Amino acid sequence: MAATAQDVRTIALSLPDSSERLAWGMPTFRVSGKIFVALSDDDTSIGVKCPKEDRAELIAAEPEKFFVRAGHDDNYAWLRIRLAAVQDQAELRAILTDSWLQAAPKRLAAAHPELAPDPG
């Protein structure tokens, strides 16, 4: 079953020190005041932190899932994800956790080694 906006909300708020706040009329999820995920205004996609150098490879591998908004995301380390293309909770959790780790202060991230990616 495809991921939903409620799935995003549930997982995002389960991450340490996360909160929800409206910005630009859309729900955003933050850690220590920094946005790590934003829901689109129609709840069909999310924006997450992603190093700019990784975006092209992800989009090329799965263009039905990953995209950027030209002219909007060009200068930011963000990637958009179509929720309908995310088929399981484990994948959604991994995506949101990765984005949280990029936004969280190093000290907070270090206090939660269980969230670190599996090195294998």
N, C-alpha and C. Protein backbone atom coordinates (compact mmCIF):
# COMPACT_ATOMS: atom_id res chain seq x y z
N MET A 1 0.84 -1.18 0.00
CA MET A 1 0.00 0.00 0.00
C MET A 1 0.89 1.25 0.00
N ALA A 2 0.52 2.23 -0.75
CA ALA A 2 1.29 3.47 -0.87
C ALA A 2 1.30 4.23 0.45
N ALA A 3 2.38 4.98 0.66
CA ALA A 3 2.50 5.82 1.85
C ALA A 3 1.50 6.97 1.79
N THR A 4 1.08 7.44 2.94
CA THR A 4 0.12 8.54 3.03
C THR A 4 0.71 9.69 3.84
N ALA A 5 0.03 10.82 3.79
CA ALA A 5 0.44 11.97 4.59
C ALA A 5 0.41 11.62 6.07
N GLN A 6 -0.57 10.82 6.48
CA GLN A 6 -0.64 10.43 7.90
C GLN A 6 0.54 9.55 8.27
N ASP A 7 0.99 8.68 7.37
CA ASP A 7 2.19 7.88 7.62
C ASP A 7 3.40 8.79 7.84
N VAL A 8 3.53 9.80 6.99
CA VAL A 8 4.63 10.76 7.11
C VAL A 8 4.58 11.42 8.49
N ARG A 9 3.41 11.90 8.85
CA ARG A 9 3.23 12.59 10.14
C ARG A 9 3.60 11.67 11.30
N THR A 10 3.09 10.46 11.29
CA THR A 10 3.34 9.52 12.38
C THR A 10 4.83 9.21 12.54
N ILE A 11 5.49 8.91 11.42
CA ILE A 11 6.92 8.57 11.48
C ILE A 11 7.75 9.80 11.85
N ALA A 12 7.48 10.93 11.21
CA ALA A 12 8.26 12.15 11.48
C ALA A 12 8.19 12.54 12.95
N LEU A 13 7.00 12.48 13.52
CA LEU A 13 6.84 12.90 14.92
C LEU A 13 7.38 11.86 15.90
N SER A 14 7.66 10.64 15.41
CA SER A 14 8.24 9.62 16.29
C SER A 14 9.75 9.79 16.44
N LEU A 15 10.35 10.61 15.59
CA LEU A 15 11.80 10.83 15.67
C LEU A 15 12.11 11.81 16.81
N PRO A 16 13.26 11.65 17.45
CA PRO A 16 13.58 12.46 18.64
C PRO A 16 13.50 13.96 18.40
N ASP A 17 12.88 14.64 19.36
CA ASP A 17 12.79 16.11 19.38
C ASP A 17 12.14 16.69 18.13
N SER A 18 11.26 15.94 17.49
CA SER A 18 10.59 16.42 16.28
C SER A 18 9.30 17.14 16.64
N SER A 19 8.96 18.11 15.81
CA SER A 19 7.71 18.84 16.01
C SER A 19 7.12 19.18 14.64
N GLU A 20 5.84 19.51 14.65
CA GLU A 20 5.14 19.89 13.42
C GLU A 20 4.79 21.37 13.50
N ARG A 21 4.97 22.06 12.38
CA ARG A 21 4.62 23.47 12.31
C ARG A 21 4.22 23.82 10.88
N LEU A 22 3.19 24.64 10.74
CA LEU A 22 2.79 25.09 9.41
C LEU A 22 3.78 26.12 8.89
N ALA A 23 4.13 25.99 7.63
CA ALA A 23 4.95 26.99 6.94
C ALA A 23 4.48 27.01 5.49
N TRP A 24 4.31 28.18 4.93
CA TRP A 24 3.82 28.32 3.56
C TRP A 24 2.48 27.60 3.38
N GLY A 25 1.71 27.50 4.45
CA GLY A 25 0.41 26.85 4.41
C GLY A 25 0.47 25.33 4.37
N MET A 26 1.67 24.77 4.59
CA MET A 26 1.84 23.32 4.53
C MET A 26 2.46 22.82 5.83
N PRO A 27 2.13 21.57 6.21
CA PRO A 27 2.77 21.00 7.39
C PRO A 27 4.26 20.75 7.13
N THR A 28 5.08 21.18 8.08
CA THR A 28 6.51 20.88 8.03
C THR A 28 6.87 20.20 9.35
N PHE A 29 7.90 19.40 9.29
CA PHE A 29 8.37 18.69 10.48
C PHE A 29 9.80 19.09 10.71
N ARG A 30 10.11 19.42 11.97
CA ARG A 30 11.38 20.03 12.30
C ARG A 30 12.06 19.30 13.45
N VAL A 31 13.38 19.44 13.45
CA VAL A 31 14.20 19.01 14.57
C VAL A 31 15.08 20.19 14.92
N SER A 32 15.04 20.61 16.17
CA SER A 32 15.80 21.78 16.63
C SER A 32 15.57 22.99 15.72
N GLY A 33 14.33 23.17 15.28
CA GLY A 33 13.96 24.32 14.47
C GLY A 33 14.26 24.19 12.99
N LYS A 34 14.94 23.13 12.58
CA LYS A 34 15.28 22.95 11.16
C LYS A 34 14.32 21.96 10.51
N ILE A 35 13.80 22.35 9.35
CA ILE A 35 12.86 21.49 8.62
C ILE A 35 13.61 20.28 8.06
N PHE A 36 13.04 19.08 8.29
CA PHE A 36 13.60 17.89 7.67
C PHE A 36 12.61 17.21 6.74
N VAL A 37 11.35 17.58 6.81
CA VAL A 37 10.37 17.09 5.83
C VAL A 37 9.22 18.09 5.75
N ALA A 38 8.71 18.27 4.53
CA ALA A 38 7.56 19.13 4.30
C ALA A 38 6.57 18.38 3.42
N LEU A 39 5.31 18.40 3.81
CA LEU A 39 4.25 17.81 2.99
C LEU A 39 3.82 18.81 1.94
N SER A 40 3.51 18.33 0.75
CA SER A 40 2.98 19.22 -0.29
C SER A 40 1.58 19.66 0.11
N ASP A 41 1.11 20.73 -0.51
CA ASP A 41 -0.21 21.25 -0.15
C ASP A 41 -1.34 20.30 -0.50
N ASP A 42 -1.09 19.33 -1.40
CA ASP A 42 -2.14 18.36 -1.74
C ASP A 42 -1.87 16.98 -1.14
N ASP A 43 -0.88 16.88 -0.25
CA ASP A 43 -0.54 15.63 0.46
C ASP A 43 -0.11 14.49 -0.45
N THR A 44 0.33 14.77 -1.68
CA THR A 44 0.74 13.69 -2.58
C THR A 44 2.24 13.50 -2.64
N SER A 45 2.99 14.47 -2.11
CA SER A 45 4.45 14.34 -2.13
C SER A 45 5.04 15.00 -0.90
N ILE A 46 6.32 14.71 -0.68
CA ILE A 46 7.05 15.33 0.41
C ILE A 46 8.36 15.87 -0.13
N GLY A 47 8.91 16.83 0.57
CA GLY A 47 10.26 17.30 0.33
C GLY A 47 11.11 16.89 1.51
N VAL A 48 12.31 16.37 1.22
CA VAL A 48 13.23 15.96 2.28
C VAL A 48 14.62 16.48 1.97
N LYS A 49 15.44 16.55 3.00
CA LYS A 49 16.83 16.95 2.81
C LYS A 49 17.55 15.86 2.03
N CYS A 50 18.35 16.28 1.06
CA CYS A 50 19.13 15.35 0.25
C CYS A 50 20.30 16.12 -0.33
N PRO A 51 21.52 15.63 -0.14
CA PRO A 51 22.66 16.33 -0.74
C PRO A 51 22.46 16.52 -2.24
N LYS A 52 22.76 17.74 -2.72
CA LYS A 52 22.56 18.04 -4.14
C LYS A 52 23.28 17.04 -5.04
N GLU A 53 24.46 16.58 -4.62
CA GLU A 53 25.23 15.66 -5.46
C GLU A 53 24.59 14.27 -5.57
N ASP A 54 23.63 13.95 -4.72
CA ASP A 54 22.97 12.64 -4.77
C ASP A 54 21.66 12.65 -5.56
N ARG A 55 21.12 13.83 -5.81
CA ARG A 55 19.78 13.91 -6.40
C ARG A 55 19.68 13.31 -7.80
N ALA A 56 20.59 13.66 -8.68
CA ALA A 56 20.50 13.21 -10.08
C ALA A 56 20.48 11.69 -10.17
N GLU A 57 21.31 11.04 -9.39
CA GLU A 57 21.36 9.57 -9.41
C GLU A 57 20.04 8.96 -8.93
N LEU A 58 19.48 9.50 -7.87
CA LEU A 58 18.20 8.99 -7.36
C LEU A 58 17.08 9.20 -8.39
N ILE A 59 17.03 10.38 -8.98
CA ILE A 59 15.99 10.68 -9.97
C ILE A 59 16.15 9.78 -11.19
N ALA A 60 17.38 9.58 -11.65
CA ALA A 60 17.62 8.72 -12.82
C ALA A 60 17.22 7.28 -12.53
N ALA A 61 17.46 6.82 -11.31
CA ALA A 61 17.15 5.43 -10.95
C ALA A 61 15.66 5.20 -10.80
N GLU A 62 14.92 6.18 -10.24
CA GLU A 62 13.49 6.01 -9.99
C GLU A 62 12.75 7.32 -10.26
N PRO A 63 12.62 7.70 -11.54
CA PRO A 63 11.97 8.98 -11.86
C PRO A 63 10.49 9.04 -11.49
N GLU A 64 9.86 7.89 -11.33
CA GLU A 64 8.45 7.87 -10.92
C GLU A 64 8.31 8.20 -9.43
N LYS A 65 9.41 8.10 -8.69
CA LYS A 65 9.39 8.35 -7.25
C LYS A 65 10.02 9.69 -6.88
N PHE A 66 11.18 9.97 -7.43
CA PHE A 66 11.96 11.14 -7.03
C PHE A 66 11.92 12.25 -8.09
N PHE A 67 11.88 13.50 -7.64
CA PHE A 67 11.91 14.63 -8.56
C PHE A 67 12.32 15.89 -7.82
N VAL A 68 12.64 16.92 -8.57
CA VAL A 68 12.86 18.25 -8.01
C VAL A 68 11.94 19.21 -8.75
N ARG A 69 11.58 20.28 -8.08
CA ARG A 69 10.79 21.33 -8.73
C ARG A 69 11.78 22.31 -9.33
N ALA A 70 11.88 22.29 -10.65
CA ALA A 70 12.81 23.18 -11.35
C ALA A 70 12.53 24.63 -10.97
N GLY A 71 13.60 25.36 -10.73
CA GLY A 71 13.46 26.75 -10.36
C GLY A 71 13.20 26.96 -8.88
N HIS A 72 12.81 25.92 -8.18
CA HIS A 72 12.52 26.04 -6.76
C HIS A 72 13.54 25.30 -5.92
N ASP A 73 13.90 24.10 -6.32
CA ASP A 73 14.81 23.26 -5.55
C ASP A 73 16.26 23.34 -6.02
N ASP A 74 16.50 24.06 -7.12
CA ASP A 74 17.82 24.07 -7.74
C ASP A 74 18.97 24.37 -6.78
N ASN A 75 18.79 25.34 -5.91
CA ASN A 75 19.88 25.78 -5.05
C ASN A 75 19.82 25.23 -3.63
N TYR A 76 18.93 24.29 -3.41
CA TYR A 76 18.76 23.74 -2.07
C TYR A 76 19.02 22.24 -2.06
N ALA A 77 19.45 21.74 -0.93
CA ALA A 77 19.71 20.31 -0.77
C ALA A 77 18.41 19.60 -0.40
N TRP A 78 17.46 19.61 -1.35
CA TRP A 78 16.14 19.00 -1.15
C TRP A 78 15.79 18.11 -2.33
N LEU A 79 14.99 17.12 -2.05
CA LEU A 79 14.49 16.19 -3.05
C LEU A 79 13.01 15.98 -2.77
N ARG A 80 12.23 15.87 -3.82
CA ARG A 80 10.79 15.60 -3.68
C ARG A 80 10.54 14.11 -3.92
N ILE A 81 9.54 13.59 -3.21
CA ILE A 81 9.20 12.17 -3.33
C ILE A 81 7.69 12.04 -3.45
N ARG A 82 7.26 11.32 -4.49
CA ARG A 82 5.82 11.05 -4.67
C ARG A 82 5.42 9.94 -3.70
N LEU A 83 4.49 10.23 -2.80
CA LEU A 83 4.10 9.24 -1.80
C LEU A 83 3.51 7.99 -2.42
N ALA A 84 2.81 8.11 -3.53
CA ALA A 84 2.20 6.94 -4.17
C ALA A 84 3.25 5.92 -4.62
N ALA A 85 4.48 6.37 -4.81
CA ALA A 85 5.56 5.47 -5.26
C ALA A 85 6.31 4.83 -4.09
N VAL A 86 6.03 5.26 -2.87
CA VAL A 86 6.66 4.66 -1.69
C VAL A 86 5.72 3.57 -1.20
N GLN A 87 6.14 2.33 -1.36
CA GLN A 87 5.23 1.22 -1.14
C GLN A 87 5.27 0.56 0.23
N ASP A 88 6.27 0.91 1.06
CA ASP A 88 6.25 0.29 2.38
C ASP A 88 6.75 1.24 3.46
N GLN A 89 6.33 0.96 4.67
CA GLN A 89 6.66 1.80 5.81
C GLN A 89 8.16 1.82 6.11
N ALA A 90 8.83 0.71 5.88
CA ALA A 90 10.27 0.65 6.14
C ALA A 90 11.02 1.64 5.24
N GLU A 91 10.64 1.71 3.98
CA GLU A 91 11.29 2.65 3.07
C GLU A 91 11.00 4.09 3.49
N LEU A 92 9.75 4.38 3.82
CA LEU A 92 9.40 5.73 4.24
C LEU A 92 10.15 6.11 5.52
N ARG A 93 10.23 5.19 6.47
CA ARG A 93 10.96 5.45 7.71
C ARG A 93 12.43 5.73 7.41
N ALA A 94 13.03 4.96 6.50
CA ALA A 94 14.45 5.17 6.15
C ALA A 94 14.66 6.54 5.52
N ILE A 95 13.76 6.95 4.64
CA ILE A 95 13.86 8.25 3.98
C ILE A 95 13.76 9.38 5.00
N LEU A 96 12.77 9.30 5.88
CA LEU A 96 12.55 10.36 6.87
C LEU A 96 13.68 10.40 7.90
N THR A 97 14.15 9.23 8.29
CA THR A 97 15.26 9.17 9.25
C THR A 97 16.52 9.77 8.66
N ASP A 98 16.80 9.46 7.39
CA ASP A 98 17.97 10.03 6.74
C ASP A 98 17.88 11.56 6.70
N SER A 99 16.72 12.07 6.38
CA SER A 99 16.53 13.52 6.33
C SER A 99 16.68 14.12 7.74
N TRP A 100 16.12 13.45 8.75
CA TRP A 100 16.25 13.91 10.13
C TRP A 100 17.72 13.98 10.53
N LEU A 101 18.49 12.95 10.18
CA LEU A 101 19.91 12.92 10.52
C LEU A 101 20.68 14.08 9.88
N GLN A 102 20.27 14.49 8.69
CA GLN A 102 20.93 15.61 8.02
C GLN A 102 20.59 16.95 8.68
N ALA A 103 19.40 17.05 9.26
CA ALA A 103 18.96 18.31 9.86
C ALA A 103 19.29 18.41 11.35
N ALA A 104 19.35 17.29 12.03
CA ALA A 104 19.55 17.30 13.49
C ALA A 104 20.95 17.78 13.85
N PRO A 105 21.06 18.47 14.97
CA PRO A 105 22.40 18.82 15.46
C PRO A 105 23.22 17.54 15.68
N LYS A 106 24.51 17.62 15.42
CA LYS A 106 25.36 16.44 15.53
C LYS A 106 25.27 15.78 16.90
N ARG A 107 25.18 16.58 17.93
CA ARG A 107 25.10 16.04 19.29
C ARG A 107 23.82 15.23 19.50
N LEU A 108 22.70 15.72 18.98
CA LEU A 108 21.43 15.00 19.09
C LEU A 108 21.48 13.71 18.28
N ALA A 109 21.99 13.79 17.06
CA ALA A 109 22.10 12.59 16.22
C ALA A 109 23.00 11.55 16.90
N ALA A 110 24.10 12.00 17.48
CA ALA A 110 25.03 11.08 18.14
C ALA A 110 24.39 10.42 19.36
N ALA A 111 23.43 11.09 19.98
CA ALA A 111 22.74 10.53 21.14
C ALA A 111 21.73 9.45 20.74
N HIS A 112 21.53 9.26 19.45
CA HIS A 112 20.58 8.26 18.95
C HIS A 112 21.24 7.37 17.90
N PRO A 113 22.25 6.57 18.32
CA PRO A 113 22.97 5.73 17.35
C PRO A 113 22.06 4.71 16.66
N GLU A 114 20.93 4.41 17.25
CA GLU A 114 19.99 3.46 16.63
C GLU A 114 19.41 4.01 15.33
N LEU A 115 19.53 5.30 15.10
CA LEU A 115 19.01 5.91 13.87
C LEU A 115 20.05 5.97 12.76
N ALA A 116 21.30 5.71 13.10
CA ALA A 116 22.38 5.77 12.09
C ALA A 116 22.17 4.69 11.05
N PRO A 117 22.51 4.99 9.79
CA PRO A 117 22.34 3.98 8.74
C PRO A 117 23.24 2.77 8.98
N ASP A 118 22.79 1.63 8.55
CA ASP A 118 23.55 0.39 8.67
C ASP A 118 24.76 0.48 7.75
N PRO A 119 25.98 0.36 8.27
CA PRO A 119 27.16 0.53 7.43
C PRO A 119 27.33 -0.60 6.41
N GLY A 120 26.62 -1.69 6.59
CA GLY A 120 26.75 -2.83 5.68
C GLY A 120 25.87 -2.68 4.55
